[in-house]
Amino acid sequence: QVQVVQSGGGWAQPGGSLRLSCVASGFTFSIAVMAWYRQLPGDKRERELVASITSSGARADYAESVKGRFTISRDNAKNMVFLDMNNLKPEDTGVYYCKSELNNSWGQGARVTVSS
């Protein structure tokens, strides 16, 4: 069956770095656009799209709020996608989700807390 399993996250100080990872199975990963979303604390709106990457990895797009700080990448040989988060800010605190846009499958979420 389709599975999207995340790892990573945790706590960082402002200016610090964290890495999120996601491994997928049960579908043809190499043709899937993959993305990272986040749910900010107390925000009842839909999850915010943080970054997405095309199936080949040739193109990545970012929310304005994370441009220049976050990098999405993928390894199609390992069915994995990553989100490297640098220069973290307190407003990056939230729960981050990996998603396959091919079949709307979500990871379980990973909490990221940025505080001093």
N, C-alpha and C. Protein backbone atom coordinates (compact mmCIF):
# COMPACT_ATOMS: atom_id res chain seq x y z
N GLN A 1 0.84 -1.18 0.00
CA GLN A 1 0.00 0.00 0.00
C GLN A 1 0.88 1.24 0.00
N VAL A 2 0.28 2.37 -0.31
CA VAL A 2 1.01 3.63 -0.34
C VAL A 2 1.40 4.05 1.08
N GLN A 3 2.67 4.39 1.23
CA GLN A 3 3.15 4.88 2.52
C GLN A 3 4.09 6.06 2.30
N VAL A 4 3.96 7.05 3.16
CA VAL A 4 4.86 8.19 3.18
C VAL A 4 5.27 8.37 4.63
N VAL A 5 6.52 8.10 4.92
CA VAL A 5 7.00 8.07 6.31
C VAL A 5 8.08 9.12 6.50
N GLN A 6 7.87 9.98 7.48
CA GLN A 6 8.77 11.08 7.73
C GLN A 6 9.70 10.79 8.89
N SER A 7 10.82 11.51 8.89
CA SER A 7 11.72 11.51 10.04
C SER A 7 12.38 12.88 10.11
N GLY A 8 12.95 13.16 11.26
CA GLY A 8 13.60 14.44 11.44
C GLY A 8 12.74 15.41 12.23
N GLY A 9 13.12 16.67 12.17
CA GLY A 9 12.43 17.69 12.95
C GLY A 9 13.04 17.80 14.33
N GLY A 10 12.30 18.43 15.22
CA GLY A 10 12.79 18.61 16.58
C GLY A 10 12.91 20.07 16.93
N TRP A 11 13.91 20.37 17.74
CA TRP A 11 14.08 21.73 18.26
C TRP A 11 15.35 22.35 17.74
N ALA A 12 15.29 23.65 17.46
CA ALA A 12 16.48 24.39 17.06
C ALA A 12 16.38 25.80 17.60
N GLN A 13 17.50 26.39 17.81
CA GLN A 13 17.54 27.80 18.20
C GLN A 13 17.36 28.67 16.96
N PRO A 14 16.92 29.89 17.12
CA PRO A 14 16.87 30.80 15.97
C PRO A 14 18.24 30.89 15.30
N GLY A 15 18.23 30.80 13.97
CA GLY A 15 19.48 30.79 13.23
C GLY A 15 20.04 29.40 13.01
N GLY A 16 19.44 28.41 13.64
CA GLY A 16 19.92 27.05 13.52
C GLY A 16 19.37 26.33 12.30
N SER A 17 19.66 25.03 12.24
CA SER A 17 19.28 24.22 11.08
C SER A 17 18.66 22.90 11.52
N LEU A 18 17.78 22.41 10.70
CA LEU A 18 17.20 21.09 10.87
C LEU A 18 16.99 20.47 9.50
N ARG A 19 16.89 19.14 9.49
CA ARG A 19 16.60 18.44 8.25
C ARG A 19 15.42 17.51 8.44
N LEU A 20 14.51 17.55 7.48
CA LEU A 20 13.39 16.63 7.43
C LEU A 20 13.61 15.65 6.29
N SER A 21 13.24 14.40 6.53
CA SER A 21 13.35 13.37 5.49
C SER A 21 12.02 12.66 5.33
N CYS A 22 11.83 12.09 4.18
CA CYS A 22 10.58 11.41 3.88
C CYS A 22 10.90 10.27 2.92
N VAL A 23 10.43 9.08 3.24
CA VAL A 23 10.61 7.94 2.34
C VAL A 23 9.23 7.43 1.93
N ALA A 24 9.09 7.18 0.65
CA ALA A 24 7.80 6.78 0.11
C ALA A 24 7.86 5.37 -0.46
N SER A 25 6.72 4.71 -0.46
CA SER A 25 6.63 3.38 -1.04
C SER A 25 5.21 3.14 -1.52
N GLY A 26 5.06 2.13 -2.37
CA GLY A 26 3.73 1.76 -2.84
C GLY A 26 3.26 2.48 -4.07
N PHE A 27 4.10 3.35 -4.62
CA PHE A 27 3.77 4.02 -5.87
C PHE A 27 5.07 4.36 -6.59
N THR A 28 4.93 4.80 -7.83
CA THR A 28 6.12 5.11 -8.64
C THR A 28 6.64 6.49 -8.25
N PHE A 29 7.54 6.49 -7.30
CA PHE A 29 8.04 7.73 -6.73
C PHE A 29 8.65 8.65 -7.79
N SER A 30 9.33 8.07 -8.75
CA SER A 30 10.08 8.87 -9.72
C SER A 30 9.22 9.70 -10.66
N ILE A 31 7.91 9.50 -10.64
CA ILE A 31 7.05 10.34 -11.47
C ILE A 31 6.21 11.29 -10.62
N ALA A 32 6.43 11.27 -9.32
CA ALA A 32 5.61 12.06 -8.41
C ALA A 32 6.24 13.40 -8.09
N VAL A 33 5.45 14.46 -8.24
CA VAL A 33 5.84 15.73 -7.63
C VAL A 33 5.70 15.55 -6.13
N MET A 34 6.70 15.96 -5.39
CA MET A 34 6.69 15.84 -3.94
C MET A 34 6.73 17.24 -3.32
N ALA A 35 6.16 17.35 -2.14
CA ALA A 35 6.08 18.66 -1.52
C ALA A 35 6.15 18.55 -0.01
N TRP A 36 6.51 19.68 0.59
CA TRP A 36 6.47 19.83 2.04
C TRP A 36 5.46 20.93 2.37
N TYR A 37 4.60 20.65 3.33
CA TYR A 37 3.62 21.60 3.83
C TYR A 37 3.88 21.79 5.33
N ARG A 38 3.28 22.83 5.86
CA ARG A 38 3.35 22.99 7.31
C ARG A 38 2.04 23.57 7.85
N GLN A 39 1.79 23.23 9.10
CA GLN A 39 0.64 23.76 9.83
C GLN A 39 1.21 24.57 10.98
N LEU A 40 0.95 25.85 10.95
CA LEU A 40 1.49 26.72 11.99
C LEU A 40 0.61 26.64 13.24
N PRO A 41 1.20 26.88 14.44
CA PRO A 41 0.43 26.78 15.69
C PRO A 41 -0.75 27.73 15.69
N GLY A 42 -1.89 27.22 16.10
CA GLY A 42 -3.07 28.05 16.21
C GLY A 42 -3.67 28.46 14.88
N ASP A 43 -3.13 27.97 13.81
CA ASP A 43 -3.63 28.34 12.48
C ASP A 43 -4.61 27.26 12.02
N LYS A 44 -5.86 27.63 11.89
CA LYS A 44 -6.87 26.65 11.53
C LYS A 44 -7.11 26.60 10.03
N ARG A 45 -6.33 27.38 9.29
CA ARG A 45 -6.48 27.33 7.84
C ARG A 45 -5.83 26.07 7.29
N GLU A 46 -5.92 25.88 6.02
CA GLU A 46 -5.30 24.74 5.38
C GLU A 46 -3.79 24.80 5.57
N ARG A 47 -3.18 23.65 5.46
CA ARG A 47 -1.73 23.58 5.57
C ARG A 47 -1.09 24.44 4.49
N GLU A 48 0.01 25.09 4.86
CA GLU A 48 0.70 25.99 3.96
C GLU A 48 1.73 25.23 3.13
N LEU A 49 1.74 25.45 1.83
CA LEU A 49 2.76 24.83 0.98
C LEU A 49 4.09 25.53 1.22
N VAL A 50 5.09 24.78 1.61
CA VAL A 50 6.41 25.33 1.90
C VAL A 50 7.33 25.21 0.69
N ALA A 51 7.36 24.03 0.09
CA ALA A 51 8.24 23.79 -1.04
C ALA A 51 7.75 22.59 -1.82
N SER A 52 8.04 22.59 -3.12
CA SER A 52 7.71 21.45 -3.95
C SER A 52 8.85 21.20 -4.93
N ILE A 53 8.91 19.98 -5.42
CA ILE A 53 9.98 19.61 -6.34
C ILE A 53 9.42 18.70 -7.42
N THR A 54 9.82 18.94 -8.66
CA THR A 54 9.33 18.14 -9.77
C THR A 54 9.86 16.71 -9.68
N SER A 55 9.30 15.85 -10.48
CA SER A 55 9.63 14.43 -10.40
C SER A 55 11.11 14.15 -10.65
N SER A 56 11.70 14.92 -11.56
CA SER A 56 13.12 14.71 -11.87
C SER A 56 14.04 15.45 -10.90
N GLY A 57 13.46 16.38 -10.16
CA GLY A 57 14.27 17.22 -9.28
C GLY A 57 14.84 18.43 -9.97
N ALA A 58 14.44 18.64 -11.23
CA ALA A 58 15.02 19.74 -12.00
C ALA A 58 14.54 21.10 -11.53
N ARG A 59 13.33 21.11 -10.95
CA ARG A 59 12.79 22.40 -10.54
C ARG A 59 12.22 22.30 -9.13
N ALA A 60 12.48 23.34 -8.35
CA ALA A 60 11.92 23.44 -7.00
C ALA A 60 11.28 24.82 -6.84
N ASP A 61 10.19 24.86 -6.11
CA ASP A 61 9.51 26.12 -5.84
C ASP A 61 9.33 26.26 -4.33
N TYR A 62 9.34 27.52 -3.88
CA TYR A 62 9.30 27.79 -2.44
C TYR A 62 8.31 28.89 -2.11
N ALA A 63 7.76 28.80 -0.92
CA ALA A 63 6.99 29.90 -0.38
C ALA A 63 7.94 31.08 -0.15
N GLU A 64 7.41 32.28 -0.32
CA GLU A 64 8.25 33.47 -0.13
C GLU A 64 8.89 33.51 1.25
N SER A 65 8.18 33.01 2.22
CA SER A 65 8.66 33.10 3.60
C SER A 65 9.89 32.23 3.88
N VAL A 66 10.17 31.27 3.00
CA VAL A 66 11.30 30.37 3.25
C VAL A 66 12.37 30.43 2.16
N LYS A 67 12.12 31.23 1.14
CA LYS A 67 13.09 31.32 0.04
C LYS A 67 14.45 31.76 0.55
N GLY A 68 15.49 31.09 0.07
CA GLY A 68 16.84 31.42 0.49
C GLY A 68 17.26 30.76 1.79
N ARG A 69 16.31 30.15 2.48
CA ARG A 69 16.63 29.50 3.77
C ARG A 69 16.40 28.00 3.72
N PHE A 70 15.37 27.57 3.00
CA PHE A 70 15.02 26.15 2.92
C PHE A 70 15.40 25.61 1.55
N THR A 71 15.78 24.33 1.51
CA THR A 71 16.09 23.66 0.26
C THR A 71 15.42 22.30 0.23
N ILE A 72 14.63 22.07 -0.81
CA ILE A 72 14.02 20.77 -1.02
C ILE A 72 14.87 20.00 -2.03
N SER A 73 15.03 18.71 -1.79
CA SER A 73 15.78 17.87 -2.72
C SER A 73 15.20 16.46 -2.67
N ARG A 74 15.61 15.63 -3.61
CA ARG A 74 15.09 14.26 -3.65
C ARG A 74 16.16 13.31 -4.17
N ASP A 75 15.98 12.05 -3.81
CA ASP A 75 16.83 10.97 -4.29
C ASP A 75 15.89 9.89 -4.83
N ASN A 76 15.70 9.86 -6.12
CA ASN A 76 14.74 8.92 -6.70
C ASN A 76 15.20 7.47 -6.58
N ALA A 77 16.48 7.25 -6.45
CA ALA A 77 16.99 5.88 -6.28
C ALA A 77 16.58 5.31 -4.92
N LYS A 78 16.36 6.20 -3.95
CA LYS A 78 16.00 5.77 -2.60
C LYS A 78 14.56 6.12 -2.24
N ASN A 79 13.82 6.67 -3.19
CA ASN A 79 12.43 7.09 -2.93
C ASN A 79 12.34 8.05 -1.76
N MET A 80 13.25 9.00 -1.73
CA MET A 80 13.29 9.92 -0.60
C MET A 80 13.25 11.38 -1.05
N VAL A 81 12.69 12.20 -0.19
CA VAL A 81 12.69 13.64 -0.38
C VAL A 81 13.10 14.28 0.93
N PHE A 82 13.78 15.41 0.82
CA PHE A 82 14.36 16.06 1.99
C PHE A 82 13.98 17.54 2.02
N LEU A 83 13.99 18.09 3.22
CA LEU A 83 13.85 19.53 3.38
C LEU A 83 14.93 19.98 4.35
N ASP A 84 15.90 20.70 3.82
CA ASP A 84 16.94 21.28 4.66
C ASP A 84 16.53 22.69 5.03
N MET A 85 16.46 22.94 6.33
CA MET A 85 15.99 24.22 6.83
C MET A 85 17.12 24.91 7.56
N ASN A 86 17.53 26.05 7.03
CA ASN A 86 18.62 26.82 7.60
C ASN A 86 18.12 28.18 8.06
N ASN A 87 18.91 28.82 8.90
CA ASN A 87 18.55 30.15 9.42
C ASN A 87 17.10 30.15 9.93
N LEU A 88 16.79 29.17 10.72
CA LEU A 88 15.43 29.02 11.22
C LEU A 88 15.00 30.20 12.07
N LYS A 89 13.71 30.49 11.98
CA LYS A 89 13.12 31.59 12.73
C LYS A 89 12.01 31.04 13.62
N PRO A 90 11.69 31.72 14.70
CA PRO A 90 10.59 31.25 15.55
C PRO A 90 9.28 31.06 14.77
N GLU A 91 9.05 31.86 13.77
CA GLU A 91 7.82 31.72 13.00
C GLU A 91 7.80 30.50 12.09
N ASP A 92 8.91 29.77 12.03
CA ASP A 92 8.93 28.49 11.31
C ASP A 92 8.38 27.35 12.17
N THR A 93 8.13 27.62 13.43
CA THR A 93 7.60 26.60 14.32
C THR A 93 6.26 26.07 13.82
N GLY A 94 6.14 24.76 13.80
CA GLY A 94 4.89 24.16 13.35
C GLY A 94 5.07 22.67 13.11
N VAL A 95 4.07 22.07 12.51
CA VAL A 95 4.14 20.67 12.13
C VAL A 95 4.31 20.59 10.62
N TYR A 96 5.31 19.87 10.20
CA TYR A 96 5.66 19.78 8.79
C TYR A 96 5.24 18.43 8.22
N TYR A 97 4.68 18.47 7.03
CA TYR A 97 4.16 17.27 6.40
C TYR A 97 4.76 17.09 5.01
N CYS A 98 5.13 15.88 4.72
CA CYS A 98 5.55 15.49 3.39
C CYS A 98 4.32 14.99 2.62
N LYS A 99 4.26 15.31 1.35
CA LYS A 99 3.09 14.89 0.57
C LYS A 99 3.49 14.48 -0.83
N SER A 100 2.89 13.40 -1.29
CA SER A 100 2.99 13.03 -2.70
C SER A 100 1.82 13.69 -3.43
N GLU A 101 2.13 14.59 -4.35
CA GLU A 101 1.07 15.26 -5.10
C GLU A 101 0.47 14.32 -6.15
N LEU A 102 1.15 13.21 -6.41
CA LEU A 102 0.64 12.25 -7.40
C LEU A 102 -0.64 11.59 -6.92
N ASN A 103 -0.65 11.22 -5.64
CA ASN A 103 -1.80 10.49 -5.11
C ASN A 103 -2.33 11.07 -3.81
N ASN A 104 -1.93 12.32 -3.50
CA ASN A 104 -2.44 13.02 -2.31
C ASN A 104 -2.18 12.23 -1.03
N SER A 105 -1.04 11.60 -0.95
CA SER A 105 -0.69 10.84 0.25
C SER A 105 0.20 11.69 1.15
N TRP A 106 -0.15 11.72 2.44
CA TRP A 106 0.55 12.56 3.40
C TRP A 106 1.40 11.72 4.35
N GLY A 107 2.51 12.31 4.77
CA GLY A 107 3.26 11.73 5.86
C GLY A 107 2.56 12.01 7.17
N GLN A 108 3.14 11.47 8.25
CA GLN A 108 2.49 11.56 9.55
C GLN A 108 2.72 12.90 10.25
N GLY A 109 3.61 13.71 9.73
CA GLY A 109 3.89 15.00 10.33
C GLY A 109 5.09 14.94 11.26
N ALA A 110 5.82 16.05 11.31
CA ALA A 110 6.97 16.16 12.21
C ALA A 110 6.96 17.55 12.81
N ARG A 111 7.10 17.60 14.13
CA ARG A 111 7.05 18.90 14.80
C ARG A 111 8.42 19.57 14.74
N VAL A 112 8.40 20.83 14.38
CA VAL A 112 9.60 21.68 14.37
C VAL A 112 9.35 22.83 15.32
N THR A 113 10.25 22.99 16.26
CA THR A 113 10.14 24.08 17.23
C THR A 113 11.42 24.92 17.16
N VAL A 114 11.24 26.20 16.97
CA VAL A 114 12.38 27.12 16.91
C VAL A 114 12.21 28.13 18.04
N SER A 115 13.10 28.05 19.00
CA SER A 115 13.02 28.96 20.14
C SER A 115 14.38 29.04 20.80
N SER A 116 14.54 30.09 21.59
CA SER A 116 15.78 30.24 22.33
C SER A 116 15.58 29.82 23.78
